[in-house]
Amino acid sequence: MRQNPQIDQRIASNSIKYLYCVDEDVQGACVEYVPFFYVEARIDFNDVRTGFSSMISLSKAIELHSFSADLPLVEDMVQDIDLQKTSSSMPDSARLNRLPDFVDDDFMSHMETQFVRYLLNSFKSRVYRNFELDVYSIAGESLSAFTARCMELMDGARRRDSDNLHEVFNRKLGQIEQKYLNESSPDNFEAARTASRNRDIFSDYLEKIAELFLQSKPVLNPNEDGSQKPRSSLELEERLMSLAVEAKEVIAELWDSYKEKARSVDEYILHPNLKDIHLVRSGILWMPTKAA
């Protein structure tokens, strides 16, 4: 690394700071470097209405023109830079273009002002609000992640609704039990065997329907049992099988309704206020012409 006489003289006359892009691909070669205005900034979002809070660091470079400090900056005039790939010492392979005469402390100050205006007008952060829960996304949370979090927040309410539905089906099961299994003691072996089989069938479906309501996720295909044949020609098993299919359908509908509530999301665009913007440092960044 070496110092450049032109830069040394300018440093002696003002407070402008200089950085150099370090390009490992051009080491050992003579590379032309051109100057850019660079700025590091921090935006501290702290929106009272949404509760959104975030600190965002920015490093940007802007081409130097005599009119740059007078015209508003637009998106295609500003580019991201990686400060990890810069150095305060000039690479040995660098050949610097002339720094324009209009670049002085006053010009740099105007560029800082223009950059702040650019952030006020152009920088934005998306925030999502769930209408049902009246909650907002947190910093860096994507729409899909926010929707999944809302689904988790609704889990308690969904469980209560599921338990209420389970009670409804338990009452239906009780009615079936009352109709088909509340007979007097069988008076012969064949009747006793039939009663025992009926009790086993009822117990199986009682357990199956209870498991449906205890599952963390609904059955993917609520009609998967629609083509299943009963183990007997008994009306009892046909009624129980139909009730199990109905249970799957209402559970799937319940999940769909809560998914819809979780997706009930509005998008808000937040722009920083002047008090949110903090300039960390600015200066001249020398970049290889192929990188610029």
C-alpha atoms as a PDB file:
ATOM      1  CA  MET A   1       0.000   0.000   0.000  1.00  0.00           C
ATOM      2  CA  ARG A   2       1.134   3.546  -0.653  1.00  0.00           C
ATOM      3  CA  GLN A   3      -0.101   7.076  -0.194  1.00  0.00           C
ATOM      4  CA  ASN A   4      -0.986   9.326  -3.125  1.00  0.00           C
ATOM      5  CA  PRO A   5       0.547  12.830  -3.226  1.00  0.00           C
ATOM      6  CA  GLN A   6      -2.645  14.342  -4.648  1.00  0.00           C
ATOM      7  CA  ILE A   7      -4.670  12.904  -1.762  1.00  0.00           C
ATOM      8  CA  ASP A   8      -2.074  13.920   0.810  1.00  0.00           C
ATOM      9  CA  GLN A   9      -2.385  17.544  -0.264  1.00  0.00           C
ATOM     10  CA  ARG A  10      -6.139  17.490  -0.091  1.00  0.00           C
ATOM     11  CA  ILE A  11      -6.142  15.864   3.345  1.00  0.00           C
ATOM     12  CA  ALA A  12      -3.898  18.638   4.537  1.00  0.00           C
ATOM     13  CA  SER A  13      -6.365  21.260   3.326  1.00  0.00           C
ATOM     14  CA  ASN A  14      -9.686  19.781   4.469  1.00  0.00           C
ATOM     15  CA  SER A  15     -11.269  17.014   6.494  1.00  0.00           C
ATOM     16  CA  ILE A  16     -12.450  14.772   3.664  1.00  0.00           C
ATOM     17  CA  LYS A  17     -11.819  11.085   4.383  1.00  0.00           C
ATOM     18  CA  TYR A  18     -10.763   8.611   1.700  1.00  0.00           C
ATOM     19  CA  LEU A  19     -11.353   4.909   1.254  1.00  0.00           C
ATOM     20  CA  TYR A  20     -10.237   2.507  -1.479  1.00  0.00           C
ATOM     21  CA  CYS A  21     -11.967  -0.588  -2.783  1.00  0.00           C
ATOM     22  CA  VAL A  22      -9.730  -3.614  -2.484  1.00  0.00           C
ATOM     23  CA  ASP A  23     -10.123  -5.873  -5.498  1.00  0.00           C
ATOM     24  CA  GLU A  24      -8.127  -9.090  -5.159  1.00  0.00           C
ATOM     25  CA  ASP A  25      -8.699  -9.882  -8.847  1.00  0.00           C
ATOM     26  CA  VAL A  26      -6.596  -6.933  -9.965  1.00  0.00           C
ATOM     27  CA  GLN A  27      -3.650  -7.231  -7.588  1.00  0.00           C
ATOM     28  CA  GLY A  28      -0.359  -6.644  -9.397  1.00  0.00           C
ATOM     29  CA  ALA A  29      -1.989  -4.838 -12.314  1.00  0.00           C
ATOM     30  CA  CYS A  30      -2.232  -1.127 -12.924  1.00  0.00           C
ATOM     31  CA  VAL A  31      -5.897  -0.283 -12.451  1.00  0.00           C
ATOM     32  CA  GLU A  32      -7.661   3.005 -12.952  1.00  0.00           C
ATOM     33  CA  TYR A  33      -9.641   4.178  -9.919  1.00  0.00           C
ATOM     34  CA  VAL A  34     -12.470   6.740 -10.056  1.00  0.00           C
ATOM     35  CA  PRO A  35     -13.866   8.707  -7.118  1.00  0.00           C
ATOM     36  CA  PHE A  36     -17.338   8.324  -5.620  1.00  0.00           C
ATOM     37  CA  PHE A  37     -19.042  10.013  -2.727  1.00  0.00           C
ATOM     38  CA  TYR A  38     -19.649   7.416  -0.023  1.00  0.00           C
ATOM     39  CA  VAL A  39     -21.736   7.587   3.116  1.00  0.00           C
ATOM     40  CA  GLU A  40     -22.463   5.319   6.059  1.00  0.00           C
ATOM     41  CA  ALA A  41     -25.771   5.856   7.798  1.00  0.00           C
ATOM     42  CA  ARG A  42     -27.887   4.275  10.489  1.00  0.00           C
ATOM     43  CA  ILE A  43     -31.665   4.369  10.609  1.00  0.00           C
ATOM     44  CA  ASP A  44     -33.258   3.810  14.017  1.00  0.00           C
ATOM     45  CA  PHE A  45     -36.903   2.949  13.446  1.00  0.00           C
ATOM     46  CA  ASN A  46     -39.082   3.265  16.522  1.00  0.00           C
ATOM     47  CA  ASP A  47     -42.666   3.616  15.320  1.00  0.00           C
ATOM     48  CA  VAL A  48     -45.024   4.210  18.233  1.00  0.00           C
ATOM     49  CA  ARG A  49     -48.200   3.284  16.345  1.00  0.00           C
ATOM     50  CA  THR A  50     -47.034  -0.134  15.126  1.00  0.00           C
ATOM     51  CA  GLY A  51     -44.436  -0.867  17.780  1.00  0.00           C
ATOM     52  CA  PHE A  52     -41.953  -1.547  14.975  1.00  0.00           C
ATOM     53  CA  SER A  53     -38.384  -1.091  16.166  1.00  0.00           C
ATOM     54  CA  SER A  54     -35.255  -1.752  14.150  1.00  0.00           C
ATOM     55  CA  MET A  55     -31.747  -0.449  13.554  1.00  0.00           C
ATOM     56  CA  ILE A  56     -30.642  -0.586   9.919  1.00  0.00           C
ATOM     57  CA  SER A  57     -27.102   0.181   8.754  1.00  0.00           C
ATOM     58  CA  LEU A  58     -26.466   1.425   5.217  1.00  0.00           C
ATOM     59  CA  SER A  59     -23.326   1.928   3.150  1.00  0.00           C
ATOM     60  CA  LYS A  60     -23.850   3.683  -0.180  1.00  0.00           C
ATOM     61  CA  ALA A  61     -21.798   5.156  -3.008  1.00  0.00           C
ATOM     62  CA  ILE A  62     -22.883   7.938  -5.399  1.00  0.00           C
ATOM     63  CA  GLU A  63     -21.233   9.139  -8.592  1.00  0.00           C
ATOM     64  CA  LEU A  64     -19.579  12.537  -8.488  1.00  0.00           C
ATOM     65  CA  HIS A  65     -20.995  15.268 -10.717  1.00  0.00           C
ATOM     66  CA  SER A  66     -20.856  19.011 -10.332  1.00  0.00           C
ATOM     67  CA  PHE A  67     -24.662  19.018 -10.121  1.00  0.00           C
ATOM     68  CA  SER A  68     -24.884  16.073  -7.686  1.00  0.00           C
ATOM     69  CA  ALA A  69     -25.252  18.284  -4.645  1.00  0.00           C
ATOM     70  CA  ASP A  70     -28.109  20.266  -6.209  1.00  0.00           C
ATOM     71  CA  LEU A  71     -30.366  17.616  -7.747  1.00  0.00           C
ATOM     72  CA  PRO A  72     -32.449  15.110  -5.745  1.00  0.00           C
ATOM     73  CA  LEU A  73     -30.968  11.617  -5.640  1.00  0.00           C
ATOM     74  CA  VAL A  74     -32.899   8.770  -7.251  1.00  0.00           C
ATOM     75  CA  GLU A  75     -32.562   5.020  -6.844  1.00  0.00           C
ATOM     76  CA  ASP A  76     -30.348   4.345  -9.878  1.00  0.00           C
ATOM     77  CA  MET A  77     -27.810   6.962  -8.742  1.00  0.00           C
ATOM     78  CA  VAL A  78     -27.123   5.131  -5.467  1.00  0.00           C
ATOM     79  CA  GLN A  79     -25.348   1.804  -5.131  1.00  0.00           C
ATOM     80  CA  ASP A  80     -24.560  -0.479  -2.212  1.00  0.00           C
ATOM     81  CA  ILE A  81     -20.962  -0.933  -1.105  1.00  0.00           C
ATOM     82  CA  ASP A  82     -19.315  -3.508   1.120  1.00  0.00           C
ATOM     83  CA  LEU A  83     -17.080  -1.686   3.577  1.00  0.00           C
ATOM     84  CA  GLN A  84     -15.419  -4.976   4.467  1.00  0.00           C
ATOM     85  CA  LYS A  85     -13.783  -4.775   1.042  1.00  0.00           C
ATOM     86  CA  THR A  86     -12.351  -1.281   1.497  1.00  0.00           C
ATOM     87  CA  SER A  87      -9.163   0.062   3.011  1.00  0.00           C
ATOM     88  CA  SER A  88      -7.885   3.450   4.136  1.00  0.00           C
ATOM     89  CA  SER A  89      -4.629   2.763   2.262  1.00  0.00           C
ATOM     90  CA  MET A  90      -4.387   2.981  -1.493  1.00  0.00           C
ATOM     91  CA  PRO A  91      -3.584  -0.299  -3.291  1.00  0.00           C
ATOM     92  CA  ASP A  92      -0.183  -0.413  -4.986  1.00  0.00           C
ATOM     93  CA  SER A  93      -1.869  -1.225  -8.295  1.00  0.00           C
ATOM     94  CA  ALA A  94      -4.192   1.801  -8.199  1.00  0.00           C
ATOM     95  CA  ARG A  95      -3.899   4.697 -10.642  1.00  0.00           C
ATOM     96  CA  LEU A  96      -6.187   7.465  -9.460  1.00  0.00           C
ATOM     97  CA  ASN A  97      -8.155   9.713 -11.767  1.00  0.00           C
ATOM     98  CA  ARG A  98      -8.136  13.382 -10.930  1.00  0.00           C
ATOM     99  CA  LEU A  99     -10.460  14.344  -8.105  1.00  0.00           C
ATOM    100  CA  PRO A 100     -12.856  17.027  -9.465  1.00  0.00           C
ATOM    101  CA  ASP A 101     -12.088  20.566  -8.295  1.00  0.00           C
ATOM    102  CA  PHE A 102     -15.652  21.060  -7.050  1.00  0.00           C
ATOM    103  CA  VAL A 103     -15.187  18.409  -4.357  1.00  0.00           C
ATOM    104  CA  ASP A 104     -14.608  20.298  -1.143  1.00  0.00           C
ATOM    105  CA  ASP A 105     -16.054  20.452   2.360  1.00  0.00           C
ATOM    106  CA  ASP A 106     -19.039  22.457   1.183  1.00  0.00           C
ATOM    107  CA  PHE A 107     -19.794  19.990  -1.610  1.00  0.00           C
ATOM    108  CA  MET A 108     -19.530  17.065   0.822  1.00  0.00           C
ATOM    109  CA  SER A 109     -21.898  18.768   3.231  1.00  0.00           C
ATOM    110  CA  HIS A 110     -24.442  19.320   0.457  1.00  0.00           C
ATOM    111  CA  MET A 111     -24.128  15.663  -0.574  1.00  0.00           C
ATOM    112  CA  GLU A 112     -24.859  14.563   2.980  1.00  0.00           C
ATOM    113  CA  THR A 113     -27.966  16.731   2.977  1.00  0.00           C
ATOM    114  CA  GLN A 114     -29.091  15.274  -0.350  1.00  0.00           C
ATOM    115  CA  PHE A 115     -28.551  11.754   0.946  1.00  0.00           C
ATOM    116  CA  VAL A 116     -30.680  12.427   4.030  1.00  0.00           C
ATOM    117  CA  ARG A 117     -33.438  13.753   1.753  1.00  0.00           C
ATOM    118  CA  TYR A 118     -33.084  10.643  -0.388  1.00  0.00           C
ATOM    119  CA  LEU A 119     -33.596   8.421   2.664  1.00  0.00           C
ATOM    120  CA  LEU A 120     -36.605  10.450   3.801  1.00  0.00           C
ATOM    121  CA  ASN A 121     -38.255  10.063   0.392  1.00  0.00           C
ATOM    122  CA  SER A 122     -37.082   6.666  -0.833  1.00  0.00           C
ATOM    123  CA  PHE A 123     -36.134   4.426   2.062  1.00  0.00           C
ATOM    124  CA  LYS A 124     -38.946   2.292   3.388  1.00  0.00           C
ATOM    125  CA  SER A 125     -39.595  -0.686   5.580  1.00  0.00           C
ATOM    126  CA  ARG A 126     -42.589  -2.993   5.231  1.00  0.00           C
ATOM    127  CA  VAL A 127     -44.657  -3.773   8.296  1.00  0.00           C
ATOM    128  CA  TYR A 128     -47.552  -6.229   8.380  1.00  0.00           C
ATOM    129  CA  ARG A 129     -50.628  -6.025  10.604  1.00  0.00           C
ATOM    130  CA  ASN A 130     -53.034  -8.854  11.280  1.00  0.00           C
ATOM    131  CA  PHE A 131     -56.554  -7.470  11.403  1.00  0.00           C
ATOM    132  CA  GLU A 132     -57.983 -10.260  13.572  1.00  0.00           C
ATOM    133  CA  LEU A 133     -55.270 -10.124  16.241  1.00  0.00           C
ATOM    134  CA  ASP A 134     -54.321  -6.453  15.876  1.00  0.00           C
ATOM    135  CA  VAL A 135     -50.614  -7.380  16.018  1.00  0.00           C
ATOM    136  CA  TYR A 136     -47.743  -6.134  13.854  1.00  0.00           C
ATOM    137  CA  SER A 137     -44.739  -7.849  12.369  1.00  0.00           C
ATOM    138  CA  ILE A 138     -41.331  -7.391  13.924  1.00  0.00           C
ATOM    139  CA  ALA A 139     -38.161  -6.188  12.212  1.00  0.00           C
ATOM    140  CA  GLY A 140     -36.994  -8.539   9.487  1.00  0.00           C
ATOM    141  CA  GLU A 141     -40.101 -10.746   9.676  1.00  0.00           C
ATOM    142  CA  SER A 142     -41.315 -11.891   6.267  1.00  0.00           C
ATOM    143  CA  LEU A 143     -44.972 -12.129   5.368  1.00  0.00           C
ATOM    144  CA  SER A 144     -44.903 -15.937   5.517  1.00  0.00           C
ATOM    145  CA  ALA A 145     -43.159 -15.926   8.903  1.00  0.00           C
ATOM    146  CA  PHE A 146     -45.618 -13.345  10.245  1.00  0.00           C
ATOM    147  CA  THR A 147     -48.590 -15.393   9.010  1.00  0.00           C
ATOM    148  CA  ALA A 148     -47.167 -18.508  10.681  1.00  0.00           C
ATOM    149  CA  ARG A 149     -46.719 -16.579  13.937  1.00  0.00           C
ATOM    150  CA  CYS A 150     -50.305 -15.343  13.767  1.00  0.00           C
ATOM    151  CA  MET A 151     -51.450 -18.937  13.316  1.00  0.00           C
ATOM    152  CA  GLU A 152     -49.557 -19.866  16.479  1.00  0.00           C
ATOM    153  CA  LEU A 153     -51.095 -16.936  18.365  1.00  0.00           C
ATOM    154  CA  MET A 154     -54.556 -18.189  17.386  1.00  0.00           C
ATOM    155  CA  ASP A 155     -53.838 -21.717  18.546  1.00  0.00           C
ATOM    156  CA  GLY A 156     -55.576 -21.249  21.918  1.00  0.00           C
ATOM    157  CA  ALA A 157     -58.787 -19.961  20.348  1.00  0.00           C
ATOM    158  CA  ARG A 158     -58.702 -22.704  17.721  1.00  0.00           C
ATOM    159  CA  ARG A 159     -58.274 -25.331  20.440  1.00  0.00           C
ATOM    160  CA  ARG A 160     -61.300 -24.002  22.305  1.00  0.00           C
ATOM    161  CA  ASP A 161     -63.403 -24.078  19.142  1.00  0.00           C
ATOM    162  CA  SER A 162     -62.146 -27.595  18.453  1.00  0.00           C
ATOM    163  CA  ASP A 163     -63.103 -28.709  21.969  1.00  0.00           C
ATOM    164  CA  ASN A 164     -66.584 -27.235  21.507  1.00  0.00           C
ATOM    165  CA  LEU A 165     -66.982 -29.145  18.260  1.00  0.00           C
ATOM    166  CA  HIS A 166     -65.763 -32.291  19.966  1.00  0.00           C
ATOM    167  CA  GLU A 167     -68.508 -31.888  22.548  1.00  0.00           C
ATOM    168  CA  VAL A 168     -71.073 -31.673  19.746  1.00  0.00           C
ATOM    169  CA  PHE A 169     -69.827 -34.944  18.263  1.00  0.00           C
ATOM    170  CA  ASN A 170     -69.739 -36.589  21.670  1.00  0.00           C
ATOM    171  CA  ARG A 171     -73.431 -35.783  22.017  1.00  0.00           C
ATOM    172  CA  LYS A 172     -74.083 -37.311  18.589  1.00  0.00           C
ATOM    173  CA  LEU A 173     -72.128 -40.393  19.643  1.00  0.00           C
ATOM    174  CA  GLY A 174     -74.210 -40.547  22.791  1.00  0.00           C
ATOM    175  CA  GLN A 175     -77.391 -40.509  20.733  1.00  0.00           C
ATOM    176  CA  ILE A 176     -76.072 -43.355  18.573  1.00  0.00           C
ATOM    177  CA  GLU A 177     -75.075 -45.307  21.658  1.00  0.00           C
ATOM    178  CA  GLN A 178     -78.511 -44.749  23.170  1.00  0.00           C
ATOM    179  CA  LYS A 179     -80.210 -46.027  20.031  1.00  0.00           C
ATOM    180  CA  TYR A 180     -78.063 -49.030  19.155  1.00  0.00           C
ATOM    181  CA  LEU A 181     -76.338 -50.190  22.350  1.00  0.00           C
ATOM    182  CA  ASN A 182     -78.805 -49.537  25.147  1.00  0.00           C
ATOM    183  CA  GLU A 183     -80.626 -52.816  24.780  1.00  0.00           C
ATOM    184  CA  SER A 184     -81.447 -55.268  27.552  1.00  0.00           C
ATOM    185  CA  SER A 185     -79.118 -58.170  28.272  1.00  0.00           C
ATOM    186  CA  PRO A 186     -79.054 -60.619  25.340  1.00  0.00           C
ATOM    187  CA  ASP A 187     -80.955 -63.855  25.940  1.00  0.00           C
ATOM    188  CA  ASN A 188     -78.850 -66.086  23.692  1.00  0.00           C
ATOM    189  CA  PHE A 189     -75.284 -66.597  22.513  1.00  0.00           C
ATOM    190  CA  GLU A 190     -75.765 -65.098  19.052  1.00  0.00           C
ATOM    191  CA  ALA A 191     -77.357 -61.940  20.444  1.00  0.00           C
ATOM    192  CA  ALA A 192     -74.546 -61.631  23.009  1.00  0.00           C
ATOM    193  CA  ARG A 193     -71.915 -61.948  20.282  1.00  0.00           C
ATOM    194  CA  THR A 194     -73.665 -59.284  18.194  1.00  0.00           C
ATOM    195  CA  ALA A 195     -73.888 -56.933  21.168  1.00  0.00           C
ATOM    196  CA  SER A 196     -70.200 -57.447  21.920  1.00  0.00           C
ATOM    197  CA  ARG A 197     -69.272 -56.745  18.298  1.00  0.00           C
ATOM    198  CA  ASN A 198     -71.406 -53.626  18.290  1.00  0.00           C
ATOM    199  CA  ARG A 199     -69.715 -52.412  21.452  1.00  0.00           C
ATOM    200  CA  ASP A 200     -66.256 -52.986  19.921  1.00  0.00           C
ATOM    201  CA  ILE A 201     -67.222 -51.106  16.757  1.00  0.00           C
ATOM    202  CA  PHE A 202     -68.598 -48.210  18.777  1.00  0.00           C
ATOM    203  CA  SER A 203     -65.471 -48.069  20.967  1.00  0.00           C
ATOM    204  CA  ASP A 204     -63.228 -48.030  17.894  1.00  0.00           C
ATOM    205  CA  TYR A 205     -65.049 -45.071  16.379  1.00  0.00           C
ATOM    206  CA  LEU A 206     -65.288 -43.288  19.708  1.00  0.00           C
ATOM    207  CA  GLU A 207     -61.494 -43.436  19.945  1.00  0.00           C
ATOM    208  CA  LYS A 208     -60.966 -42.578  16.274  1.00  0.00           C
ATOM    209  CA  ILE A 209     -63.136 -39.449  16.437  1.00  0.00           C
ATOM    210  CA  ALA A 210     -61.469 -38.354  19.683  1.00  0.00           C
ATOM    211  CA  GLU A 211     -58.047 -38.667  17.993  1.00  0.00           C
ATOM    212  CA  LEU A 212     -59.227 -36.516  15.102  1.00  0.00           C
ATOM    213  CA  PHE A 213     -59.890 -33.622  17.473  1.00  0.00           C
ATOM    214  CA  LEU A 214     -56.611 -34.133  19.322  1.00  0.00           C
ATOM    215  CA  GLN A 215     -54.434 -34.041  16.205  1.00  0.00           C
ATOM    216  CA  SER A 216     -52.247 -30.953  15.766  1.00  0.00           C
ATOM    217  CA  LYS A 217     -53.088 -30.851  12.065  1.00  0.00           C
ATOM    218  CA  PRO A 218     -56.276 -31.737  10.183  1.00  0.00           C
ATOM    219  CA  VAL A 219     -56.513 -34.843   8.015  1.00  0.00           C
ATOM    220  CA  LEU A 220     -55.262 -33.855   4.566  1.00  0.00           C
ATOM    221  CA  ASN A 221     -58.155 -35.560   2.782  1.00  0.00           C
ATOM    222  CA  PRO A 222     -61.337 -35.339   4.849  1.00  0.00           C
ATOM    223  CA  ASN A 223     -63.109 -37.718   2.438  1.00  0.00           C
ATOM    224  CA  GLU A 224     -60.481 -40.432   2.544  1.00  0.00           C
ATOM    225  CA  ASP A 225     -62.852 -42.754   4.381  1.00  0.00           C
ATOM    226  CA  GLY A 226     -65.675 -42.099   1.933  1.00  0.00           C
ATOM    227  CA  SER A 227     -64.905 -45.217  -0.099  1.00  0.00           C
ATOM    228  CA  GLN A 228     -64.147 -47.403   2.923  1.00  0.00           C
ATOM    229  CA  LYS A 229     -66.567 -50.273   3.403  1.00  0.00           C
ATOM    230  CA  PRO A 230     -67.981 -51.089   6.816  1.00  0.00           C
ATOM    231  CA  ARG A 231     -66.836 -54.288   8.460  1.00  0.00           C
ATOM    232  CA  SER A 232     -70.427 -55.411   8.617  1.00  0.00           C
ATOM    233  CA  SER A 233     -73.781 -54.587   7.119  1.00  0.00           C
ATOM    234  CA  LEU A 234     -74.905 -53.116  10.397  1.00  0.00           C
ATOM    235  CA  GLU A 235     -76.569 -49.724  10.255  1.00  0.00           C
ATOM    236  CA  LEU A 236     -74.598 -48.845  13.401  1.00  0.00           C
ATOM    237  CA  GLU A 237     -71.217 -48.931  11.676  1.00  0.00           C
ATOM    238  CA  GLU A 238     -72.536 -47.019   8.684  1.00  0.00           C
ATOM    239  CA  ARG A 239     -73.748 -44.264  11.012  1.00  0.00           C
ATOM    240  CA  LEU A 240     -70.423 -44.176  12.852  1.00  0.00           C
ATOM    241  CA  MET A 241     -68.410 -44.110   9.645  1.00  0.00           C
ATOM    242  CA  SER A 242     -70.507 -41.232   8.325  1.00  0.00           C
ATOM    243  CA  LEU A 243     -69.995 -39.359  11.601  1.00  0.00           C
ATOM    244  CA  ALA A 244     -66.196 -39.824  11.384  1.00  0.00           C
ATOM    245  CA  VAL A 245     -66.185 -38.368   7.860  1.00  0.00           C
ATOM    246  CA  GLU A 246     -68.301 -35.453   9.055  1.00  0.00           C
ATOM    247  CA  ALA A 247     -65.849 -34.839  11.920  1.00  0.00           C
ATOM    248  CA  LYS A 248     -62.926 -34.659   9.490  1.00  0.00           C
ATOM    249  CA  GLU A 249     -64.806 -32.189   7.338  1.00  0.00           C
ATOM    250  CA  VAL A 250     -65.690 -29.806  10.170  1.00  0.00           C
ATOM    251  CA  ILE A 251     -62.128 -29.980  11.552  1.00  0.00           C
ATOM    252  CA  ALA A 252     -60.740 -29.115   8.110  1.00  0.00           C
ATOM    253  CA  GLU A 253     -63.228 -26.239   7.836  1.00  0.00           C
ATOM    254  CA  LEU A 254     -62.163 -24.982  11.269  1.00  0.00           C
ATOM    255  CA  TRP A 255     -58.501 -25.005  10.249  1.00  0.00           C
ATOM    256  CA  ASP A 256     -59.289 -23.260   6.979  1.00  0.00           C
ATOM    257  CA  SER A 257     -61.165 -20.526   8.837  1.00  0.00           C
ATOM    258  CA  TYR A 258     -58.186 -19.896  11.123  1.00  0.00           C
ATOM    259  CA  LYS A 259     -55.778 -19.944   8.213  1.00  0.00           C
ATOM    260  CA  GLU A 260     -57.929 -17.276   6.595  1.00  0.00           C
ATOM    261  CA  LYS A 261     -57.815 -15.216   9.792  1.00  0.00           C
ATOM    262  CA  ALA A 262     -54.011 -15.598   9.945  1.00  0.00           C
ATOM    263  CA  ARG A 263     -53.799 -14.370   6.346  1.00  0.00           C
ATOM    264  CA  SER A 264     -55.970 -11.332   7.078  1.00  0.00           C
ATOM    265  CA  VAL A 265     -52.961  -9.038   6.793  1.00  0.00           C
ATOM    266  CA  ASP A 266     -52.553  -5.397   5.839  1.00  0.00           C
ATOM    267  CA  GLU A 267     -49.233  -4.008   4.649  1.00  0.00           C
ATOM    268  CA  TYR A 268     -47.870  -0.703   5.900  1.00  0.00           C
ATOM    269  CA  ILE A 269     -44.922   1.188   4.455  1.00  0.00           C
ATOM    270  CA  LEU A 270     -42.856   3.081   7.021  1.00  0.00           C
ATOM    271  CA  HIS A 271     -40.542   5.906   6.001  1.00  0.00           C
ATOM    272  CA  PRO A 272     -37.938   7.214   8.434  1.00  0.00           C
ATOM    273  CA  ASN A 273     -38.321  10.556  10.142  1.00  0.00           C
ATOM    274  CA  LEU A 274     -35.453  13.000  10.218  1.00  0.00           C
ATOM    275  CA  LYS A 275     -34.733  12.123  13.847  1.00  0.00           C
ATOM    276  CA  ASP A 276     -34.379   8.450  12.854  1.00  0.00           C
ATOM    277  CA  ILE A 277     -31.481   9.077  10.451  1.00  0.00           C
ATOM    278  CA  HIS A 278     -27.913   9.233  11.745  1.00  0.00           C
ATOM    279  CA  LEU A 279     -24.950   9.810   9.438  1.00  0.00           C
ATOM    280  CA  VAL A 280     -21.967   7.841  10.689  1.00  0.00           C
ATOM    281  CA  ARG A 281     -19.346   9.100   8.260  1.00  0.00           C
ATOM    282  CA  SER A 282     -18.897  10.184   4.661  1.00  0.00           C
ATOM    283  CA  GLY A 283     -16.015  10.705   2.304  1.00  0.00           C
ATOM    284  CA  ILE A 284     -14.563   9.785  -1.063  1.00  0.00           C
ATOM    285  CA  LEU A 285     -14.437   6.159  -2.117  1.00  0.00           C
ATOM    286  CA  TRP A 286     -12.024   5.235  -4.892  1.00  0.00           C
ATOM    287  CA  MET A 287     -13.321   2.328  -6.970  1.00  0.00           C
ATOM    288  CA  PRO A 288     -11.747   0.397  -9.848  1.00  0.00           C
ATOM    289  CA  THR A 289     -13.364   1.380 -13.122  1.00  0.00           C
ATOM    290  CA  LYS A 290     -14.591  -2.173 -13.756  1.00  0.00           C
ATOM    291  CA  ALA A 291     -16.270  -2.241 -10.324  1.00  0.00           C
ATOM    292  CA  ALA A 292     -17.770   1.216 -10.818  1.00  0.00           C
END
